[in-house]
Amino acid sequence: MTDGGREGTLTELSVDVAGRVVVLHVHLRLGQVEAEHVLRLEEVGELVLDTPAPAPWASAALTGLRSAVDPGTGEWVVELVLWDPGTRLRVRCATVRLDGMPVDPTRDAASLPSM
């Protein structure tokens, strides 16, 4: 992700199908400041990777990270855009944890890193 000096990379993605958990490791850099974050998505109901880009990739650069709560279901919708707007990873889930801490969808949706 490159936005106003902000860069991001999806460094690891793990999926526990039986446990319905997706874990994303994201490396962010803003100027000289670097940070690693772990986004844990629990009670996953949908996981979609839409990628017209040919494989294999050298890396998974983030160009966007968005989150919202679906008002009809109360579920989180978390979307990562990789490389270009046509390459996306979208997850619908009941619970989001950022660096181990639960994120309250009624108060904290804006606290997720956005790109």
PDB file of N, CA and C in Angstrom:
ATOM      1  N   MET A   1       0.841  -1.154   0.000  1.00  0.00           N
ATOM      2  CA  MET A   1       0.000   0.000   0.000  1.00  0.00           C
ATOM      3  C   MET A   1       0.893   1.225   0.000  1.00  0.00           C
ATOM      4  N   THR A   2       0.647   2.104  -0.891  1.00  0.00           N
ATOM      5  CA  THR A   2       1.413   3.344  -0.939  1.00  0.00           C
ATOM      6  C   THR A   2       0.434   4.492  -1.053  1.00  0.00           C
ATOM      7  N   ASP A   3       0.304   5.258   0.026  1.00  0.00           N
ATOM      8  CA  ASP A   3      -0.652   6.343   0.070  1.00  0.00           C
ATOM      9  C   ASP A   3      -0.058   7.438   0.934  1.00  0.00           C
ATOM     10  N   GLY A   4       0.415   8.516   0.316  1.00  0.00           N
ATOM     11  CA  GLY A   4       0.972   9.620   1.071  1.00  0.00           C
ATOM     12  C   GLY A   4       2.159   9.214   1.919  1.00  0.00           C
ATOM     13  N   GLY A   5       3.058   8.392   1.356  1.00  0.00           N
ATOM     14  CA  GLY A   5       4.217   7.938   2.110  1.00  0.00           C
ATOM     15  C   GLY A   5       3.935   6.713   2.954  1.00  0.00           C
ATOM     16  N   ARG A   6       2.726   6.226   2.938  1.00  0.00           N
ATOM     17  CA  ARG A   6       2.332   5.046   3.697  1.00  0.00           C
ATOM     18  C   ARG A   6       2.477   3.827   2.786  1.00  0.00           C
ATOM     19  N   GLU A   7       3.124   2.799   3.288  1.00  0.00           N
ATOM     20  CA  GLU A   7       3.291   1.569   2.516  1.00  0.00           C
ATOM     21  C   GLU A   7       2.853   0.393   3.368  1.00  0.00           C
ATOM     22  N   GLY A   8       2.313  -0.629   2.728  1.00  0.00           N
ATOM     23  CA  GLY A   8       1.893  -1.809   3.458  1.00  0.00           C
ATOM     24  C   GLY A   8       2.093  -3.059   2.652  1.00  0.00           C
ATOM     25  N   THR A   9       2.309  -4.158   3.367  1.00  0.00           N
ATOM     26  CA  THR A   9       2.482  -5.460   2.741  1.00  0.00           C
ATOM     27  C   THR A   9       1.771  -6.510   3.576  1.00  0.00           C
ATOM     28  N   LEU A  10       1.029  -7.369   2.932  1.00  0.00           N
ATOM     29  CA  LEU A  10       0.470  -8.532   3.589  1.00  0.00           C
ATOM     30  C   LEU A  10       1.582  -9.565   3.632  1.00  0.00           C
ATOM     31  N   THR A  11       2.118  -9.846   4.818  1.00  0.00           N
ATOM     32  CA  THR A  11       3.283 -10.722   4.932  1.00  0.00           C
ATOM     33  C   THR A  11       2.913 -12.168   5.193  1.00  0.00           C
ATOM     34  N   GLU A  12       1.724 -12.388   5.746  1.00  0.00           N
ATOM     35  CA  GLU A  12       1.305 -13.765   6.018  1.00  0.00           C
ATOM     36  C   GLU A  12      -0.211 -13.823   6.098  1.00  0.00           C
ATOM     37  N   LEU A  13      -0.758 -14.913   5.588  1.00  0.00           N
ATOM     38  CA  LEU A  13      -2.187 -15.176   5.639  1.00  0.00           C
ATOM     39  C   LEU A  13      -2.358 -16.625   6.044  1.00  0.00           C
ATOM     40  N   SER A  14      -3.109 -16.866   7.110  1.00  0.00           N
ATOM     41  CA  SER A  14      -3.395 -18.250   7.489  1.00  0.00           C
ATOM     42  C   SER A  14      -4.897 -18.417   7.646  1.00  0.00           C
ATOM     43  N   VAL A  15      -5.364 -19.588   7.272  1.00  0.00           N
ATOM     44  CA  VAL A  15      -6.785 -19.904   7.311  1.00  0.00           C
ATOM     45  C   VAL A  15      -6.965 -21.206   8.081  1.00  0.00           C
ATOM     46  N   ASP A  16      -7.802 -21.163   9.102  1.00  0.00           N
ATOM     47  CA  ASP A  16      -8.208 -22.358   9.841  1.00  0.00           C
ATOM     48  C   ASP A  16      -9.649 -22.622   9.433  1.00  0.00           C
ATOM     49  N   VAL A  17      -9.821 -23.539   8.497  1.00  0.00           N
ATOM     50  CA  VAL A  17     -11.150 -23.786   7.942  1.00  0.00           C
ATOM     51  C   VAL A  17     -12.087 -24.344   9.012  1.00  0.00           C
ATOM     52  N   ALA A  18     -11.622 -25.329   9.778  1.00  0.00           N
ATOM     53  CA  ALA A  18     -12.468 -25.941  10.807  1.00  0.00           C
ATOM     54  C   ALA A  18     -12.827 -24.940  11.902  1.00  0.00           C
ATOM     55  N   GLY A  19     -11.887 -24.083  12.269  1.00  0.00           N
ATOM     56  CA  GLY A  19     -12.135 -23.089  13.309  1.00  0.00           C
ATOM     57  C   GLY A  19     -12.776 -21.815  12.806  1.00  0.00           C
ATOM     58  N   ARG A  20     -12.887 -21.685  11.470  1.00  0.00           N
ATOM     59  CA  ARG A  20     -13.462 -20.492  10.823  1.00  0.00           C
ATOM     60  C   ARG A  20     -12.733 -19.227  11.246  1.00  0.00           C
ATOM     61  N   VAL A  21     -11.385 -19.270  11.137  1.00  0.00           N
ATOM     62  CA  VAL A  21     -10.536 -18.144  11.528  1.00  0.00           C
ATOM     63  C   VAL A  21      -9.587 -17.809  10.384  1.00  0.00           C
ATOM     64  N   VAL A  22      -9.419 -16.510  10.110  1.00  0.00           N
ATOM     65  CA  VAL A  22      -8.434 -16.018   9.159  1.00  0.00           C
ATOM     66  C   VAL A  22      -7.524 -15.064   9.925  1.00  0.00           C
ATOM     67  N   VAL A  23      -6.207 -15.264   9.787  1.00  0.00           N
ATOM     68  CA  VAL A  23      -5.247 -14.403  10.455  1.00  0.00           C
ATOM     69  C   VAL A  23      -4.377 -13.741   9.389  1.00  0.00           C
ATOM     70  N   LEU A  24      -4.301 -12.409   9.459  1.00  0.00           N
ATOM     71  CA  LEU A  24      -3.529 -11.614   8.508  1.00  0.00           C
ATOM     72  C   LEU A  24      -2.404 -10.904   9.255  1.00  0.00           C
ATOM     73  N   HIS A  25      -1.187 -11.053   8.765  1.00  0.00           N
ATOM     74  CA  HIS A  25      -0.047 -10.313   9.306  1.00  0.00           C
ATOM     75  C   HIS A  25       0.265  -9.209   8.305  1.00  0.00           C
ATOM     76  N   VAL A  26       0.267  -7.965   8.789  1.00  0.00           N
ATOM     77  CA  VAL A  26       0.449  -6.809   7.918  1.00  0.00           C
ATOM     78  C   VAL A  26       1.636  -5.984   8.413  1.00  0.00           C
ATOM     79  N   HIS A  27       2.508  -5.632   7.483  1.00  0.00           N
ATOM     80  CA  HIS A  27       3.642  -4.751   7.782  1.00  0.00           C
ATOM     81  C   HIS A  27       3.311  -3.383   7.194  1.00  0.00           C
ATOM     82  N   LEU A  28       3.338  -2.356   8.057  1.00  0.00           N
ATOM     83  CA  LEU A  28       3.041  -0.991   7.614  1.00  0.00           C
ATOM     84  C   LEU A  28       4.253  -0.109   7.829  1.00  0.00           C
ATOM     85  N   ARG A  29       4.432   0.837   6.929  1.00  0.00           N
ATOM     86  CA  ARG A  29       5.498   1.827   7.078  1.00  0.00           C
ATOM     87  C   ARG A  29       4.954   3.192   6.695  1.00  0.00           C
ATOM     88  N   LEU A  30       5.176   4.148   7.595  1.00  0.00           N
ATOM     89  CA  LEU A  30       4.810   5.540   7.348  1.00  0.00           C
ATOM     90  C   LEU A  30       6.077   6.349   7.542  1.00  0.00           C
ATOM     91  N   GLY A  31       6.711   6.723   6.438  1.00  0.00           N
ATOM     92  CA  GLY A  31       8.003   7.406   6.522  1.00  0.00           C
ATOM     93  C   GLY A  31       9.027   6.482   7.144  1.00  0.00           C
ATOM     94  N   GLN A  32       9.612   6.900   8.269  1.00  0.00           N
ATOM     95  CA  GLN A  32      10.624   6.102   8.952  1.00  0.00           C
ATOM     96  C   GLN A  32      10.024   5.159  10.001  1.00  0.00           C
ATOM     97  N   VAL A  33       8.736   5.252  10.256  1.00  0.00           N
ATOM     98  CA  VAL A  33       8.095   4.448  11.295  1.00  0.00           C
ATOM     99  C   VAL A  33       7.518   3.171  10.678  1.00  0.00           C
ATOM    100  N   GLU A  34       7.905   2.037  11.262  1.00  0.00           N
ATOM    101  CA  GLU A  34       7.409   0.748  10.784  1.00  0.00           C
ATOM    102  C   GLU A  34       6.661   0.046  11.900  1.00  0.00           C
ATOM    103  N   ALA A  35       5.657  -0.731  11.526  1.00  0.00           N
ATOM    104  CA  ALA A  35       4.864  -1.456  12.519  1.00  0.00           C
ATOM    105  C   ALA A  35       4.361  -2.761  11.918  1.00  0.00           C
ATOM    106  N   GLU A  36       4.229  -3.755  12.762  1.00  0.00           N
ATOM    107  CA  GLU A  36       3.634  -5.038  12.393  1.00  0.00           C
ATOM    108  C   GLU A  36       2.306  -5.150  13.123  1.00  0.00           C
ATOM    109  N   HIS A  37       1.277  -5.580  12.429  1.00  0.00           N
ATOM    110  CA  HIS A  37      -0.026  -5.775  13.049  1.00  0.00           C
ATOM    111  C   HIS A  37      -0.561  -7.147  12.680  1.00  0.00           C
ATOM    112  N   VAL A  38      -1.315  -7.722  13.609  1.00  0.00           N
ATOM    113  CA  VAL A  38      -1.984  -8.997  13.363  1.00  0.00           C
ATOM    114  C   VAL A  38      -3.480  -8.748  13.444  1.00  0.00           C
ATOM    115  N   LEU A  39      -4.161  -9.067  12.364  1.00  0.00           N
ATOM    116  CA  LEU A  39      -5.607  -8.918  12.276  1.00  0.00           C
ATOM    117  C   LEU A  39      -6.194 -10.332  12.282  1.00  0.00           C
ATOM    118  N   ARG A  40      -6.941 -10.649  13.327  1.00  0.00           N
ATOM    119  CA  ARG A  40      -7.544 -11.977  13.465  1.00  0.00           C
ATOM    120  C   ARG A  40      -9.046 -11.836  13.253  1.00  0.00           C
ATOM    121  N   LEU A  41      -9.562 -12.551  12.268  1.00  0.00           N
ATOM    122  CA  LEU A  41     -10.973 -12.495  11.901  1.00  0.00           C
ATOM    123  C   LEU A  41     -11.598 -13.829  12.287  1.00  0.00           C
ATOM    124  N   GLU A  42     -12.586 -13.788  13.184  1.00  0.00           N
ATOM    125  CA  GLU A  42     -13.161 -15.000  13.756  1.00  0.00           C
ATOM    126  C   GLU A  42     -14.613 -15.183  13.335  1.00  0.00           C
ATOM    127  N   GLU A  43     -15.066 -16.427  13.392  1.00  0.00           N
ATOM    128  CA  GLU A  43     -16.416 -16.797  12.968  1.00  0.00           C
ATOM    129  C   GLU A  43     -16.641 -16.361  11.522  1.00  0.00           C
ATOM    130  N   VAL A  44     -15.708 -16.737  10.676  1.00  0.00           N
ATOM    131  CA  VAL A  44     -15.729 -16.348   9.265  1.00  0.00           C
ATOM    132  C   VAL A  44     -16.866 -17.061   8.544  1.00  0.00           C
ATOM    133  N   GLY A  45     -17.661 -16.278   7.826  1.00  0.00           N
ATOM    134  CA  GLY A  45     -18.751 -16.818   7.032  1.00  0.00           C
ATOM    135  C   GLY A  45     -18.460 -16.788   5.546  1.00  0.00           C
ATOM    136  N   GLU A  46     -17.513 -15.925   5.141  1.00  0.00           N
ATOM    137  CA  GLU A  46     -17.164 -15.818   3.725  1.00  0.00           C
ATOM    138  C   GLU A  46     -15.714 -15.379   3.598  1.00  0.00           C
ATOM    139  N   LEU A  47     -15.005 -16.029   2.688  1.00  0.00           N
ATOM    140  CA  LEU A  47     -13.622 -15.679   2.366  1.00  0.00           C
ATOM    141  C   LEU A  47     -13.496 -15.739   0.852  1.00  0.00           C
ATOM    142  N   VAL A  48     -13.181 -14.586   0.240  1.00  0.00           N
ATOM    143  CA  VAL A  48     -13.110 -14.502  -1.215  1.00  0.00           C
ATOM    144  C   VAL A  48     -11.779 -13.874  -1.613  1.00  0.00           C
ATOM    145  N   LEU A  49     -11.063 -14.539  -2.500  1.00  0.00           N
ATOM    146  CA  LEU A  49      -9.869 -13.963  -3.115  1.00  0.00           C
ATOM    147  C   LEU A  49     -10.188 -13.806  -4.593  1.00  0.00           C
ATOM    148  N   ASP A  50     -10.288 -12.572  -5.024  1.00  0.00           N
ATOM    149  CA  ASP A  50     -10.594 -12.252  -6.417  1.00  0.00           C
ATOM    150  C   ASP A  50      -9.321 -11.705  -7.030  1.00  0.00           C
ATOM    151  N   THR A  51      -8.691 -12.485  -7.909  1.00  0.00           N
ATOM    152  CA  THR A  51      -7.399 -12.061  -8.435  1.00  0.00           C
ATOM    153  C   THR A  51      -7.239 -12.358  -9.919  1.00  0.00           C
ATOM    154  N   PRO A  52      -7.329 -11.323 -10.729  1.00  0.00           N
ATOM    155  CA  PRO A  52      -7.028 -11.499 -12.146  1.00  0.00           C
ATOM    156  C   PRO A  52      -5.522 -11.505 -12.420  1.00  0.00           C
ATOM    157  N   ALA A  53      -4.714 -11.133 -11.390  1.00  0.00           N
ATOM    158  CA  ALA A  53      -3.254 -11.061 -11.559  1.00  0.00           C
ATOM    159  C   ALA A  53      -2.676 -12.469 -11.685  1.00  0.00           C
ATOM    160  N   PRO A  54      -1.704 -12.646 -12.584  1.00  0.00           N
ATOM    161  CA  PRO A  54      -1.098 -13.967 -12.742  1.00  0.00           C
ATOM    162  C   PRO A  54      -0.263 -14.341 -11.508  1.00  0.00           C
ATOM    163  N   ALA A  55      -0.178 -15.634 -11.234  1.00  0.00           N
ATOM    164  CA  ALA A  55       0.639 -16.135 -10.112  1.00  0.00           C
ATOM    165  C   ALA A  55       1.957 -16.635 -10.687  1.00  0.00           C
ATOM    166  N   PRO A  56       3.008 -16.764  -9.950  1.00  0.00           N
ATOM    167  CA  PRO A  56       3.128 -16.410  -8.534  1.00  0.00           C
ATOM    168  C   PRO A  56       3.487 -14.941  -8.368  1.00  0.00           C
ATOM    169  N   TRP A  57       3.162 -14.409  -7.194  1.00  0.00           N
ATOM    170  CA  TRP A  57       3.476 -13.033  -6.869  1.00  0.00           C
ATOM    171  C   TRP A  57       4.819 -12.983  -6.157  1.00  0.00           C
ATOM    172  N   ALA A  58       5.565 -11.912  -6.342  1.00  0.00           N
ATOM    173  CA  ALA A  58       6.826 -11.715  -5.618  1.00  0.00           C
ATOM    174  C   ALA A  58       6.538 -11.238  -4.198  1.00  0.00           C
ATOM    175  N   SER A  59       5.456 -10.472  -4.022  1.00  0.00           N
ATOM    176  CA  SER A  59       5.031 -10.009  -2.707  1.00  0.00           C
ATOM    177  C   SER A  59       3.566  -9.610  -2.808  1.00  0.00           C
ATOM    178  N   ALA A  60       2.966  -9.294  -1.671  1.00  0.00           N
ATOM    179  CA  ALA A  60       1.555  -8.906  -1.646  1.00  0.00           C
ATOM    180  C   ALA A  60       1.445  -7.483  -1.120  1.00  0.00           C
ATOM    181  N   ALA A  61       1.740  -6.521  -1.979  1.00  0.00           N
ATOM    182  CA  ALA A  61       1.658  -5.109  -1.589  1.00  0.00           C
ATOM    183  C   ALA A  61       0.205  -4.710  -1.398  1.00  0.00           C
ATOM    184  N   LEU A  62      -0.064  -4.011  -0.307  1.00  0.00           N
ATOM    185  CA  LEU A  62      -1.413  -3.510  -0.041  1.00  0.00           C
ATOM    186  C   LEU A  62      -1.583  -2.143  -0.677  1.00  0.00           C
ATOM    187  N   THR A  63      -2.663  -1.984  -1.409  1.00  0.00           N
ATOM    188  CA  THR A  63      -2.999  -0.661  -1.907  1.00  0.00           C
ATOM    189  C   THR A  63      -4.256  -0.139  -1.225  1.00  0.00           C
ATOM    190  N   GLY A  64      -4.910  -0.994  -0.430  1.00  0.00           N
ATOM    191  CA  GLY A  64      -6.088  -0.551   0.303  1.00  0.00           C
ATOM    192  C   GLY A  64      -6.476  -1.540   1.377  1.00  0.00           C
ATOM    193  N   LEU A  65      -7.009  -1.019   2.461  1.00  0.00           N
ATOM    194  CA  LEU A  65      -7.554  -1.832   3.555  1.00  0.00           C
ATOM    195  C   LEU A  65      -8.773  -1.094   4.072  1.00  0.00           C
ATOM    196  N   ARG A  66      -9.934  -1.750   3.954  1.00  0.00           N
ATOM    197  CA  ARG A  66     -11.179  -1.126   4.372  1.00  0.00           C
ATOM    198  C   ARG A  66     -11.955  -2.083   5.273  1.00  0.00           C
ATOM    199  N   SER A  67     -12.706  -1.522   6.189  1.00  0.00           N
ATOM    200  CA  SER A  67     -13.572  -2.343   7.033  1.00  0.00           C
ATOM    201  C   SER A  67     -14.871  -1.594   7.276  1.00  0.00           C
ATOM    202  N   ALA A  68     -15.922  -2.372   7.433  1.00  0.00           N
ATOM    203  CA  ALA A  68     -17.244  -1.803   7.726  1.00  0.00           C
ATOM    204  C   ALA A  68     -18.076  -2.891   8.375  1.00  0.00           C
ATOM    205  N   VAL A  69     -19.138  -2.478   9.001  1.00  0.00           N
ATOM    206  CA  VAL A  69     -20.090  -3.425   9.574  1.00  0.00           C
ATOM    207  C   VAL A  69     -21.353  -3.383   8.733  1.00  0.00           C
ATOM    208  N   ASP A  70     -21.779  -4.547   8.268  1.00  0.00           N
ATOM    209  CA  ASP A  70     -23.002  -4.654   7.481  1.00  0.00           C
ATOM    210  C   ASP A  70     -24.187  -4.391   8.412  1.00  0.00           C
ATOM    211  N   PRO A  71     -24.948  -3.315   8.187  1.00  0.00           N
ATOM    212  CA  PRO A  71     -26.036  -2.995   9.102  1.00  0.00           C
ATOM    213  C   PRO A  71     -27.145  -4.047   9.112  1.00  0.00           C
ATOM    214  N   GLY A  72     -27.270  -4.801   8.040  1.00  0.00           N
ATOM    215  CA  GLY A  72     -28.320  -5.816   7.971  1.00  0.00           C
ATOM    216  C   GLY A  72     -28.010  -7.060   8.779  1.00  0.00           C
ATOM    217  N   THR A  73     -26.716  -7.436   8.856  1.00  0.00           N
ATOM    218  CA  THR A  73     -26.332  -8.675   9.537  1.00  0.00           C
ATOM    219  C   THR A  73     -25.516  -8.436  10.799  1.00  0.00           C
ATOM    220  N   GLY A  74     -24.920  -7.242  10.925  1.00  0.00           N
ATOM    221  CA  GLY A  74     -24.031  -6.976  12.047  1.00  0.00           C
ATOM    222  C   GLY A  74     -22.655  -7.576  11.872  1.00  0.00           C
ATOM    223  N   GLU A  75     -22.402  -8.182  10.718  1.00  0.00           N
ATOM    224  CA  GLU A  75     -21.102  -8.795  10.448  1.00  0.00           C
ATOM    225  C   GLU A  75     -20.103  -7.752   9.951  1.00  0.00           C
ATOM    226  N   TRP A  76     -18.854  -8.003  10.276  1.00  0.00           N
ATOM    227  CA  TRP A  76     -17.761  -7.209   9.718  1.00  0.00           C
ATOM    228  C   TRP A  76     -17.556  -7.618   8.264  1.00  0.00           C
ATOM    229  N   VAL A  77     -17.199  -6.662   7.447  1.00  0.00           N
ATOM    230  CA  VAL A  77     -16.718  -6.913   6.095  1.00  0.00           C
ATOM    231  C   VAL A  77     -15.356  -6.238   6.014  1.00  0.00           C
ATOM    232  N   VAL A  78     -14.312  -7.044   5.893  1.00  0.00           N
ATOM    233  CA  VAL A  78     -12.938  -6.538   5.834  1.00  0.00           C
ATOM    234  C   VAL A  78     -12.413  -6.841   4.438  1.00  0.00           C
ATOM    235  N   GLU A  79     -11.875  -5.816   3.784  1.00  0.00           N
ATOM    236  CA  GLU A  79     -11.396  -5.983   2.416  1.00  0.00           C
ATOM    237  C   GLU A  79      -9.988  -5.424   2.277  1.00  0.00           C
ATOM    238  N   LEU A  80      -9.113  -6.228   1.721  1.00  0.00           N
ATOM    239  CA  LEU A  80      -7.754  -5.801   1.393  1.00  0.00           C
ATOM    240  C   LEU A  80      -7.634  -5.760  -0.120  1.00  0.00           C
ATOM    241  N   VAL A  81      -7.112  -4.669  -0.645  1.00  0.00           N
ATOM    242  CA  VAL A  81      -6.853  -4.546  -2.075  1.00  0.00           C
ATOM    243  C   VAL A  81      -5.357  -4.757  -2.261  1.00  0.00           C
ATOM    244  N   LEU A  82      -5.009  -5.712  -3.107  1.00  0.00           N
ATOM    245  CA  LEU A  82      -3.618  -6.081  -3.358  1.00  0.00           C
ATOM    246  C   LEU A  82      -3.264  -5.706  -4.789  1.00  0.00           C
ATOM    247  N   TRP A  83      -2.248  -4.892  -4.944  1.00  0.00           N
ATOM    248  CA  TRP A  83      -1.730  -4.472  -6.246  1.00  0.00           C
ATOM    249  C   TRP A  83      -2.613  -3.471  -6.962  1.00  0.00           C
ATOM    250  N   ASP A  84      -3.814  -3.904  -7.336  1.00  0.00           N
ATOM    251  CA  ASP A  84      -4.695  -3.028  -8.107  1.00  0.00           C
ATOM    252  C   ASP A  84      -6.131  -3.259  -7.654  1.00  0.00           C
ATOM    253  N   PRO A  85      -7.059  -2.384  -8.042  1.00  0.00           N
ATOM    254  CA  PRO A  85      -8.444  -2.510  -7.561  1.00  0.00           C
ATOM    255  C   PRO A  85      -9.121  -3.827  -7.916  1.00  0.00           C
ATOM    256  N   GLY A  86      -8.632  -4.546  -8.910  1.00  0.00           N
ATOM    257  CA  GLY A  86      -9.253  -5.816  -9.289  1.00  0.00           C
ATOM    258  C   GLY A  86      -8.803  -7.006  -8.463  1.00  0.00           C
ATOM    259  N   THR A  87      -7.791  -6.843  -7.642  1.00  0.00           N
ATOM    260  CA  THR A  87      -7.264  -7.949  -6.842  1.00  0.00           C
ATOM    261  C   THR A  87      -7.605  -7.682  -5.382  1.00  0.00           C
ATOM    262  N   ARG A  88      -8.529  -8.492  -4.869  1.00  0.00           N
ATOM    263  CA  ARG A  88      -9.053  -8.234  -3.525  1.00  0.00           C
ATOM    264  C   ARG A  88      -9.156  -9.506  -2.710  1.00  0.00           C
ATOM    265  N   LEU A  89      -8.998  -9.328  -1.398  1.00  0.00           N
ATOM    266  CA  LEU A  89      -9.277 -10.369  -0.420  1.00  0.00           C
ATOM    267  C   LEU A  89     -10.380  -9.808   0.470  1.00  0.00           C
ATOM    268  N   ARG A  90     -11.527 -10.487   0.491  1.00  0.00           N
ATOM    269  CA  ARG A  90     -12.669  -9.996   1.273  1.00  0.00           C
ATOM    270  C   ARG A  90     -13.098 -11.075   2.258  1.00  0.00           C
ATOM    271  N   VAL A  91     -13.317 -10.652   3.503  1.00  0.00           N
ATOM    272  CA  VAL A  91     -13.722 -11.580   4.558  1.00  0.00           C
ATOM    273  C   VAL A  91     -14.929 -11.007   5.283  1.00  0.00           C
ATOM    274  N   ARG A  92     -15.955 -11.845   5.463  1.00  0.00           N
ATOM    275  CA  ARG A  92     -17.100 -11.508   6.317  1.00  0.00           C
ATOM    276  C   ARG A  92     -16.939 -12.327   7.588  1.00  0.00           C
ATOM    277  N   CYS A  93     -17.062 -11.663   8.733  1.00  0.00           N
ATOM    278  CA  CYS A  93     -16.856 -12.378   9.991  1.00  0.00           C
ATOM    279  C   CYS A  93     -17.639 -11.703  11.111  1.00  0.00           C
ATOM    280  N   ALA A  94     -17.750 -12.410  12.241  1.00  0.00           N
ATOM    281  CA  ALA A  94     -18.483 -11.873  13.386  1.00  0.00           C
ATOM    282  C   ALA A  94     -17.586 -11.073  14.311  1.00  0.00           C
ATOM    283  N   THR A  95     -16.304 -11.458  14.400  1.00  0.00           N
ATOM    284  CA  THR A  95     -15.410 -10.849  15.379  1.00  0.00           C
ATOM    285  C   THR A  95     -14.092 -10.459  14.722  1.00  0.00           C
ATOM    286  N   VAL A  96     -13.576  -9.282  15.101  1.00  0.00           N
ATOM    287  CA  VAL A  96     -12.272  -8.803  14.637  1.00  0.00           C
ATOM    288  C   VAL A  96     -11.408  -8.515  15.858  1.00  0.00           C
ATOM    289  N   ARG A  97     -10.169  -8.980  15.806  1.00  0.00           N
ATOM    290  CA  ARG A  97      -9.180  -8.662  16.839  1.00  0.00           C
ATOM    291  C   ARG A  97      -7.981  -8.027  16.148  1.00  0.00           C
ATOM    292  N   LEU A  98      -7.535  -6.908  16.688  1.00  0.00           N
ATOM    293  CA  LEU A  98      -6.359  -6.217  16.179  1.00  0.00           C
ATOM    294  C   LEU A  98      -5.279  -6.309  17.247  1.00  0.00           C
ATOM    295  N   ASP A  99      -4.193  -6.970  16.915  1.00  0.00           N
ATOM    296  CA  ASP A  99      -3.083  -7.171  17.854  1.00  0.00           C
ATOM    297  C   ASP A  99      -3.570  -7.787  19.164  1.00  0.00           C
ATOM    298  N   GLY A 100      -4.503  -8.734  19.046  1.00  0.00           N
ATOM    299  CA  GLY A 100      -4.993  -9.474  20.202  1.00  0.00           C
ATOM    300  C   GLY A 100      -6.163  -8.846  20.928  1.00  0.00           C
ATOM    301  N   MET A 101      -6.478  -7.608  20.622  1.00  0.00           N
ATOM    302  CA  MET A 101      -7.557  -6.901  21.322  1.00  0.00           C
ATOM    303  C   MET A 101      -8.833  -6.907  20.463  1.00  0.00           C
ATOM    304  N   PRO A 102      -9.986  -7.218  21.077  1.00  0.00           N
ATOM    305  CA  PRO A 102     -11.233  -7.196  20.305  1.00  0.00           C
ATOM    306  C   PRO A 102     -11.573  -5.784  19.846  1.00  0.00           C
ATOM    307  N   VAL A 103     -12.113  -5.692  18.660  1.00  0.00           N
ATOM    308  CA  VAL A 103     -12.530  -4.414  18.096  1.00  0.00           C
ATOM    309  C   VAL A 103     -14.056  -4.372  18.158  1.00  0.00           C
ATOM    310  N   ASP A 104     -14.596  -3.345  18.804  1.00  0.00           N
ATOM    311  CA  ASP A 104     -16.035  -3.178  18.954  1.00  0.00           C
ATOM    312  C   ASP A 104     -16.577  -2.505  17.698  1.00  0.00           C
ATOM    313  N   PRO A 105     -17.441  -3.193  16.955  1.00  0.00           N
ATOM    314  CA  PRO A 105     -17.921  -2.603  15.696  1.00  0.00           C
ATOM    315  C   PRO A 105     -18.749  -1.344  15.884  1.00  0.00           C
ATOM    316  N   THR A 106     -19.321  -1.143  17.051  1.00  0.00           N
ATOM    317  CA  THR A 106     -20.145   0.052  17.270  1.00  0.00           C
ATOM    318  C   THR A 106     -19.302   1.270  17.613  1.00  0.00           C
ATOM    319  N   ARG A 107     -18.050   1.041  18.052  1.00  0.00           N
ATOM    320  CA  ARG A 107     -17.202   2.178  18.449  1.00  0.00           C
ATOM    321  C   ARG A 107     -15.873   2.218  17.720  1.00  0.00           C
ATOM    322  N   ASP A 108     -15.305   1.057  17.415  1.00  0.00           N
ATOM    323  CA  ASP A 108     -13.904   0.985  17.029  1.00  0.00           C
ATOM    324  C   ASP A 108     -13.644   0.709  15.557  1.00  0.00           C
ATOM    325  N   ALA A 109     -14.658   0.698  14.707  1.00  0.00           N
ATOM    326  CA  ALA A 109     -14.425   0.361  13.300  1.00  0.00           C
ATOM    327  C   ALA A 109     -13.363   1.259  12.689  1.00  0.00           C
ATOM    328  N   ALA A 110     -13.335   2.496  13.098  1.00  0.00           N
ATOM    329  CA  ALA A 110     -12.354   3.441  12.555  1.00  0.00           C
ATOM    330  C   ALA A 110     -10.943   3.182  13.107  1.00  0.00           C
ATOM    331  N   SER A 111     -10.823   2.349  14.144  1.00  0.00           N
ATOM    332  CA  SER A 111      -9.499   2.111  14.719  1.00  0.00           C
ATOM    333  C   SER A 111      -8.684   1.109  13.923  1.00  0.00           C
ATOM    334  N   LEU A 112      -9.315   0.390  12.998  1.00  0.00           N
ATOM    335  CA  LEU A 112      -8.547  -0.500  12.149  1.00  0.00           C
ATOM    336  C   LEU A 112      -7.706   0.346  11.210  1.00  0.00           C
ATOM    337  N   PRO A 113      -6.479  -0.111  10.931  1.00  0.00           N
ATOM    338  CA  PRO A 113      -5.669   0.653   9.991  1.00  0.00           C
ATOM    339  C   PRO A 113      -6.400   0.759   8.659  1.00  0.00           C
ATOM    340  N   SER A 114      -6.428   1.927   8.083  1.00  0.00           N
ATOM    341  CA  SER A 114      -7.101   2.070   6.786  1.00  0.00           C
ATOM    342  C   SER A 114      -6.086   2.558   5.759  1.00  0.00           C
ATOM    343  N   MET A 115      -6.330   2.165   4.549  1.00  0.00           N
ATOM    344  CA  MET A 115      -5.434   2.536   3.469  1.00  0.00           C
ATOM    345  C   MET A 115      -6.242   3.182   2.375  1.00  0.00           C
TER     346      MET A 115
END
